[in-house]
Amino acid sequence: MLKIAAILDEARSSYATHNRKLKELSLLRSKSPSPSHFFSAFSKTLTPLFDFHCRLASADRVVSFVSNFAAVADD
């Protein structure tokens, strides 16, 4: 979860890092013991991001990053 959180934190700061961070997150997913293990850690890391009451640019960047990650085919 800490590695996923670090990747999301870096993706939050700028759109310029998204391609590199997509590769890192895909690598973490492929090295995960099982898809359900990765998804559990990923969803637990994402949950606090949606506990905000106003629209933030950093939250928009994370949502964009996560949607791009979800659209990337698993190797």
Protein backbone atom coordinates (compact mmCIF):
# COMPACT_ATOMS: atom_id res chain seq x y z
CA MET A 1 0.00 0.00 0.00
CA LEU A 2 2.86 2.38 0.74
CA LYS A 3 4.31 2.00 -2.76
CA ILE A 4 0.89 2.60 -4.31
CA ALA A 5 0.37 5.65 -2.09
CA ALA A 6 3.75 7.06 -3.12
CA ILE A 7 2.92 6.61 -6.81
CA LEU A 8 -0.48 8.29 -6.40
CA ASP A 9 1.10 11.14 -4.44
CA GLU A 10 3.58 11.80 -7.24
CA ALA A 11 0.83 11.55 -9.87
CA ARG A 12 -1.18 14.09 -7.85
CA SER A 13 1.45 16.78 -8.32
CA SER A 14 1.65 16.91 -12.11
CA TYR A 15 0.24 15.41 -15.30
CA ALA A 16 3.83 15.23 -16.62
CA THR A 17 4.62 12.26 -14.36
CA HIS A 18 1.60 10.17 -15.33
CA ASN A 19 3.19 8.04 -18.07
CA ARG A 20 6.14 7.08 -15.87
CA LYS A 21 3.90 6.41 -12.88
CA LEU A 22 1.53 4.30 -15.01
CA LYS A 23 4.47 2.06 -15.85
CA GLU A 24 5.49 1.83 -12.19
CA LEU A 25 1.97 0.98 -11.05
CA SER A 26 1.59 -1.61 -13.82
CA LEU A 27 4.86 -3.19 -12.70
CA LEU A 28 3.57 -3.35 -9.12
CA ARG A 29 0.37 -4.97 -10.37
CA SER A 30 2.30 -7.58 -12.36
CA LYS A 31 4.56 -8.41 -9.37
CA SER A 32 1.60 -8.75 -7.01
CA PRO A 33 0.95 -12.28 -5.68
CA SER A 34 -2.60 -12.15 -7.03
CA PRO A 35 -4.89 -9.66 -8.76
CA SER A 36 -7.18 -9.57 -5.72
CA HIS A 37 -4.23 -8.72 -3.45
CA PHE A 38 -3.29 -5.77 -5.65
CA PHE A 39 -6.89 -4.58 -6.02
CA SER A 40 -7.43 -4.70 -2.25
CA ALA A 41 -4.35 -2.58 -1.56
CA PHE A 42 -5.17 -0.24 -4.47
CA SER A 43 -8.76 0.36 -3.35
CA LYS A 44 -7.74 0.90 0.29
CA THR A 45 -5.22 3.49 -0.87
CA LEU A 46 -7.77 5.28 -3.06
CA THR A 47 -10.62 5.47 -0.54
CA PRO A 48 -9.28 8.47 1.48
CA LEU A 49 -8.86 10.48 -1.73
CA PHE A 50 -12.61 10.67 -2.17
CA ASP A 51 -13.26 12.18 1.24
CA PHE A 52 -13.15 15.82 0.16
CA HIS A 53 -15.89 18.41 -0.04
CA CYS A 54 -14.62 20.68 -2.77
CA ARG A 55 -13.07 20.20 -6.16
CA LEU A 56 -9.28 20.24 -6.08
CA ALA A 57 -6.88 20.23 -9.01
CA SER A 58 -4.74 17.58 -7.32
CA ALA A 59 -7.78 15.30 -6.88
CA ASP A 60 -8.67 15.79 -10.56
CA ARG A 61 -5.15 14.71 -11.52
CA VAL A 62 -5.42 11.55 -9.40
CA VAL A 63 -8.83 10.69 -10.87
CA SER A 64 -7.40 11.18 -14.37
CA PHE A 65 -4.40 9.01 -13.48
CA VAL A 66 -6.56 6.21 -12.05
CA SER A 67 -8.87 6.24 -15.07
CA ASN A 68 -5.85 5.98 -17.38
CA PHE A 69 -4.49 3.12 -15.28
CA ALA A 70 -7.80 1.30 -15.44
CA ALA A 71 -7.81 1.63 -19.22
CA VAL A 72 -4.29 0.19 -19.61
CA ALA A 73 -4.32 -3.46 -20.61
CA ASP A 74 -2.61 -5.87 -18.21
CA ASP A 75 0.34 -7.60 -19.89
